[in-house]
N, C-alpha and C. Protein backbone atom coordinates (compact mmCIF):
# COMPACT_ATOMS: atom_id res chain seq x y z
N MET A 1 0.84 -1.19 0.00
CA MET A 1 0.00 0.00 0.00
C MET A 1 0.88 1.24 0.00
N SER A 2 0.43 2.22 -0.72
CA SER A 2 1.21 3.45 -0.77
C SER A 2 0.92 4.31 0.46
N ASN A 3 1.75 5.31 0.62
CA ASN A 3 1.57 6.22 1.76
C ASN A 3 0.25 6.97 1.67
N LEU A 4 -0.18 7.29 0.44
CA LEU A 4 -1.44 8.01 0.26
C LEU A 4 -2.62 7.19 0.76
N VAL A 5 -2.64 5.91 0.43
CA VAL A 5 -3.74 5.05 0.86
C VAL A 5 -3.75 4.90 2.37
N THR A 6 -2.57 4.71 2.95
CA THR A 6 -2.48 4.56 4.40
C THR A 6 -2.93 5.83 5.11
N LEU A 7 -2.48 6.98 4.64
CA LEU A 7 -2.85 8.25 5.25
C LEU A 7 -4.35 8.52 5.10
N THR A 8 -4.91 8.15 3.95
CA THR A 8 -6.35 8.32 3.75
C THR A 8 -7.15 7.45 4.70
N ILE A 9 -6.74 6.20 4.86
CA ILE A 9 -7.45 5.28 5.76
C ILE A 9 -7.37 5.76 7.20
N VAL A 10 -6.21 6.21 7.62
CA VAL A 10 -6.05 6.69 9.00
C VAL A 10 -6.87 7.96 9.23
N SER A 11 -6.88 8.86 8.26
CA SER A 11 -7.65 10.11 8.40
C SER A 11 -9.14 9.82 8.49
N GLU A 12 -9.62 8.93 7.61
CA GLU A 12 -11.04 8.58 7.64
C GLU A 12 -11.41 7.80 8.90
N ALA A 13 -10.50 6.97 9.39
CA ALA A 13 -10.76 6.22 10.62
C ALA A 13 -10.88 7.14 11.82
N PHE A 14 -10.03 8.16 11.89
CA PHE A 14 -10.13 9.11 12.99
C PHE A 14 -11.44 9.89 12.92
N LEU A 15 -11.84 10.26 11.71
CA LEU A 15 -13.12 10.96 11.54
C LEU A 15 -14.28 10.04 11.95
N LEU A 16 -14.22 8.79 11.54
CA LEU A 16 -15.27 7.83 11.90
C LEU A 16 -15.32 7.61 13.41
N LEU A 17 -14.17 7.49 14.04
CA LEU A 17 -14.11 7.31 15.49
C LEU A 17 -14.76 8.49 16.22
N SER A 18 -14.49 9.70 15.75
CA SER A 18 -15.09 10.88 16.37
C SER A 18 -16.60 10.83 16.28
N PHE A 19 -17.12 10.46 15.11
CA PHE A 19 -18.57 10.43 14.94
C PHE A 19 -19.20 9.25 15.67
N ILE A 20 -18.49 8.15 15.82
CA ILE A 20 -19.03 7.04 16.61
C ILE A 20 -19.18 7.46 18.06
N ILE A 21 -18.20 8.17 18.59
CA ILE A 21 -18.29 8.67 19.97
C ILE A 21 -19.47 9.63 20.11
N ILE A 22 -19.66 10.51 19.12
CA ILE A 22 -20.78 11.45 19.16
C ILE A 22 -22.11 10.70 19.15
N ILE A 23 -22.24 9.73 18.26
CA ILE A 23 -23.50 8.98 18.13
C ILE A 23 -23.79 8.19 19.41
N LEU A 24 -22.76 7.58 19.99
CA LEU A 24 -22.98 6.82 21.22
C LEU A 24 -23.31 7.70 22.41
N SER A 25 -22.85 8.94 22.38
CA SER A 25 -23.14 9.82 23.51
C SER A 25 -24.49 10.52 23.39
N THR A 26 -25.06 10.61 22.18
CA THR A 26 -26.36 11.27 22.04
C THR A 26 -27.52 10.29 22.14
N ARG A 27 -27.44 9.18 21.41
CA ARG A 27 -28.47 8.13 21.41
C ARG A 27 -29.86 8.65 21.10
N SER A 28 -29.96 9.59 20.21
CA SER A 28 -31.24 10.10 19.75
C SER A 28 -31.35 9.79 18.26
N PRO A 29 -32.35 9.04 17.83
CA PRO A 29 -32.43 8.63 16.42
C PRO A 29 -32.46 9.81 15.44
N LYS A 30 -33.17 10.87 15.80
CA LYS A 30 -33.24 12.03 14.90
C LYS A 30 -31.88 12.72 14.80
N LYS A 31 -31.19 12.86 15.91
CA LYS A 31 -29.87 13.48 15.89
C LYS A 31 -28.84 12.59 15.22
N ASN A 32 -29.01 11.27 15.34
CA ASN A 32 -28.06 10.35 14.73
C ASN A 32 -28.09 10.45 13.21
N VAL A 33 -29.26 10.69 12.64
CA VAL A 33 -29.35 10.89 11.20
C VAL A 33 -28.56 12.13 10.79
N LEU A 34 -28.66 13.18 11.57
CA LEU A 34 -27.90 14.40 11.32
C LEU A 34 -26.40 14.14 11.40
N TRP A 35 -25.98 13.38 12.41
CA TRP A 35 -24.55 13.09 12.56
C TRP A 35 -24.02 12.25 11.41
N VAL A 36 -24.82 11.32 10.91
CA VAL A 36 -24.39 10.50 9.76
C VAL A 36 -24.25 11.37 8.52
N ILE A 37 -25.18 12.28 8.31
CA ILE A 37 -25.09 13.20 7.17
C ILE A 37 -23.85 14.08 7.30
N LEU A 38 -23.58 14.58 8.49
CA LEU A 38 -22.38 15.41 8.69
C LEU A 38 -21.11 14.59 8.50
N PHE A 39 -21.13 13.31 8.87
CA PHE A 39 -19.97 12.45 8.63
C PHE A 39 -19.71 12.29 7.13
N ILE A 40 -20.77 12.07 6.37
CA ILE A 40 -20.62 11.92 4.92
C ILE A 40 -20.08 13.20 4.29
N ILE A 41 -20.55 14.34 4.77
CA ILE A 41 -20.06 15.63 4.26
C ILE A 41 -18.57 15.77 4.56
N GLY A 42 -18.13 15.30 5.70
CA GLY A 42 -16.73 15.41 6.06
C GLY A 42 -15.84 14.40 5.36
N ALA A 43 -16.37 13.22 5.06
CA ALA A 43 -15.55 12.15 4.50
C ALA A 43 -15.49 12.16 2.98
N ALA A 44 -16.51 12.65 2.33
CA ALA A 44 -16.62 12.55 0.87
C ALA A 44 -15.50 13.24 0.10
N PRO A 45 -15.12 14.48 0.42
CA PRO A 45 -14.09 15.14 -0.40
C PRO A 45 -12.75 14.39 -0.42
N LEU A 46 -12.32 13.90 0.72
CA LEU A 46 -11.04 13.19 0.76
C LEU A 46 -11.12 11.87 0.00
N LEU A 47 -12.21 11.13 0.18
CA LEU A 47 -12.33 9.87 -0.54
C LEU A 47 -12.35 10.09 -2.04
N TYR A 48 -13.11 11.07 -2.49
CA TYR A 48 -13.20 11.35 -3.93
C TYR A 48 -11.84 11.74 -4.50
N LEU A 49 -11.16 12.67 -3.86
CA LEU A 49 -9.88 13.13 -4.40
C LEU A 49 -8.77 12.09 -4.27
N ALA A 50 -8.81 11.25 -3.24
CA ALA A 50 -7.80 10.19 -3.12
C ALA A 50 -8.00 9.15 -4.21
N ILE A 51 -9.23 8.76 -4.47
CA ILE A 51 -9.51 7.81 -5.54
C ILE A 51 -9.13 8.41 -6.89
N ASP A 52 -9.45 9.68 -7.10
CA ASP A 52 -9.10 10.36 -8.34
C ASP A 52 -7.59 10.41 -8.53
N HIS A 53 -6.86 10.67 -7.47
CA HIS A 53 -5.40 10.75 -7.56
C HIS A 53 -4.78 9.39 -7.89
N VAL A 54 -5.31 8.33 -7.29
CA VAL A 54 -4.79 6.99 -7.55
C VAL A 54 -5.10 6.56 -8.99
N LYS A 55 -6.32 6.87 -9.47
CA LYS A 55 -6.71 6.48 -10.82
C LYS A 55 -5.92 7.24 -11.90
N ASN A 56 -5.77 8.54 -11.72
CA ASN A 56 -5.16 9.37 -12.77
C ASN A 56 -3.65 9.53 -12.60
N ASP A 57 -3.12 9.35 -11.43
CA ASP A 57 -1.69 9.44 -11.16
C ASP A 57 -1.07 10.70 -11.77
N TYR A 58 -1.44 11.83 -11.23
CA TYR A 58 -0.96 13.12 -11.72
C TYR A 58 0.55 13.26 -11.53
N MET A 59 1.20 13.89 -12.49
CA MET A 59 2.64 14.09 -12.42
C MET A 59 3.00 15.30 -11.55
N ASP A 60 2.13 16.29 -11.54
CA ASP A 60 2.40 17.50 -10.76
C ASP A 60 1.82 17.39 -9.35
N ALA A 61 2.03 18.40 -8.58
CA ALA A 61 1.50 18.43 -7.21
C ALA A 61 -0.02 18.58 -7.27
N ASN A 62 -0.71 17.72 -6.56
CA ASN A 62 -2.17 17.77 -6.54
C ASN A 62 -2.60 18.62 -5.34
N ILE A 63 -2.80 19.89 -5.61
CA ILE A 63 -3.16 20.84 -4.55
C ILE A 63 -4.52 20.49 -3.95
N GLY A 64 -5.44 20.05 -4.79
CA GLY A 64 -6.77 19.69 -4.30
C GLY A 64 -6.73 18.57 -3.29
N LEU A 65 -5.86 17.61 -3.51
CA LEU A 65 -5.73 16.50 -2.56
C LEU A 65 -5.19 16.99 -1.22
N GLY A 66 -4.22 17.87 -1.26
CA GLY A 66 -3.69 18.44 -0.03
C GLY A 66 -4.73 19.23 0.73
N LEU A 67 -5.53 20.00 0.00
CA LEU A 67 -6.61 20.75 0.64
C LEU A 67 -7.67 19.82 1.22
N ALA A 68 -7.93 18.71 0.53
CA ALA A 68 -8.91 17.74 1.04
C ALA A 68 -8.41 17.12 2.35
N PHE A 69 -7.11 16.82 2.43
CA PHE A 69 -6.55 16.30 3.68
C PHE A 69 -6.66 17.33 4.79
N MET A 70 -6.32 18.57 4.50
CA MET A 70 -6.40 19.61 5.53
C MET A 70 -7.83 19.80 6.00
N TYR A 71 -8.79 19.80 5.06
CA TYR A 71 -10.21 19.93 5.41
C TYR A 71 -10.64 18.77 6.30
N THR A 72 -10.26 17.55 5.93
CA THR A 72 -10.66 16.38 6.71
C THR A 72 -10.04 16.39 8.10
N TRP A 73 -8.78 16.79 8.19
CA TRP A 73 -8.13 16.84 9.50
C TRP A 73 -8.77 17.90 10.39
N LEU A 74 -9.06 19.07 9.83
CA LEU A 74 -9.72 20.12 10.61
C LEU A 74 -11.11 19.67 11.02
N TYR A 75 -11.84 19.08 10.10
CA TYR A 75 -13.18 18.58 10.37
C TYR A 75 -13.14 17.49 11.46
N SER A 76 -12.13 16.61 11.38
CA SER A 76 -11.97 15.56 12.39
C SER A 76 -11.66 16.14 13.76
N ALA A 77 -10.81 17.16 13.80
CA ALA A 77 -10.46 17.78 15.08
C ALA A 77 -11.68 18.43 15.72
N VAL A 78 -12.47 19.14 14.92
CA VAL A 78 -13.68 19.77 15.44
C VAL A 78 -14.67 18.70 15.92
N ALA A 79 -14.83 17.64 15.13
CA ALA A 79 -15.74 16.56 15.53
C ALA A 79 -15.27 15.88 16.80
N PHE A 80 -13.95 15.71 16.96
CA PHE A 80 -13.42 15.08 18.16
C PHE A 80 -13.64 15.96 19.38
N ILE A 81 -13.47 17.25 19.23
CA ILE A 81 -13.72 18.18 20.35
C ILE A 81 -15.19 18.15 20.74
N ILE A 82 -16.08 18.13 19.75
CA ILE A 82 -17.51 18.04 20.03
C ILE A 82 -17.82 16.71 20.73
N ALA A 83 -17.20 15.64 20.28
CA ALA A 83 -17.42 14.32 20.90
C ALA A 83 -17.00 14.32 22.37
N ILE A 84 -15.87 14.92 22.66
CA ILE A 84 -15.40 14.97 24.05
C ILE A 84 -16.33 15.82 24.90
N ILE A 85 -16.79 16.94 24.37
CA ILE A 85 -17.72 17.80 25.11
C ILE A 85 -19.01 17.04 25.41
N LEU A 86 -19.56 16.35 24.40
CA LEU A 86 -20.80 15.59 24.62
C LEU A 86 -20.60 14.45 25.59
N LEU A 87 -19.45 13.81 25.53
CA LEU A 87 -19.15 12.72 26.45
C LEU A 87 -19.03 13.22 27.88
N VAL A 88 -18.40 14.36 28.08
CA VAL A 88 -18.27 14.94 29.42
C VAL A 88 -19.64 15.36 29.95
N LYS A 89 -20.48 15.97 29.09
CA LYS A 89 -21.82 16.37 29.52
C LYS A 89 -22.64 15.15 29.92
N LYS A 90 -22.54 14.08 29.14
CA LYS A 90 -23.29 12.87 29.46
C LYS A 90 -22.82 12.27 30.78
N LYS A 91 -21.52 12.23 30.98
CA LYS A 91 -20.95 11.69 32.22
C LYS A 91 -21.37 12.55 33.41
N ARG A 92 -21.35 13.86 33.22
CA ARG A 92 -21.74 14.77 34.29
C ARG A 92 -23.21 14.59 34.65
N ASN A 93 -24.09 14.42 33.64
CA ASN A 93 -25.51 14.21 33.90
C ASN A 93 -25.76 12.89 34.62
N ILE A 94 -24.99 11.86 34.29
CA ILE A 94 -25.13 10.57 34.97
C ILE A 94 -24.72 10.71 36.44
N ASN A 95 -23.62 11.42 36.69
CA ASN A 95 -23.16 11.62 38.07
C ASN A 95 -24.14 12.44 38.88
N ILE A 96 -24.74 13.46 38.27
CA ILE A 96 -25.71 14.29 38.97
C ILE A 96 -26.97 13.48 39.31
N SER A 97 -27.42 12.65 38.36
CA SER A 97 -28.61 11.85 38.62
C SER A 97 -28.37 10.78 39.69
N LYS A 98 -27.14 10.30 39.81
CA LYS A 98 -26.83 9.33 40.86
C LYS A 98 -26.83 9.98 42.24
N GLU A 99 -26.45 11.26 42.31
CA GLU A 99 -26.42 11.95 43.60
C GLU A 99 -27.82 12.24 44.11
N LEU A 100 -28.77 12.40 43.21
CA LEU A 100 -30.14 12.71 43.64
C LEU A 100 -30.80 11.44 44.06
């Protein structure tokens, strides 16, 4: 496997992990549909441009692919921060309900 494929898989896996944490912490069917749609919006550009780069094998620097990686990494970081915030809120609500 090339470095591009490995980096794409790792980037998408981190994005998926962030959204799995979000979905497990919300457990609302209506919100889960929204989270899945947001995951697809975050994952699609990188997958499309990585597949395009492998198929066409451009000789020059593929700026679009680099921008897709940066977008996915930023999107993953924001999703991970949101996941941690939701996880902490859920844990805090469980602790408060146990005290009552």
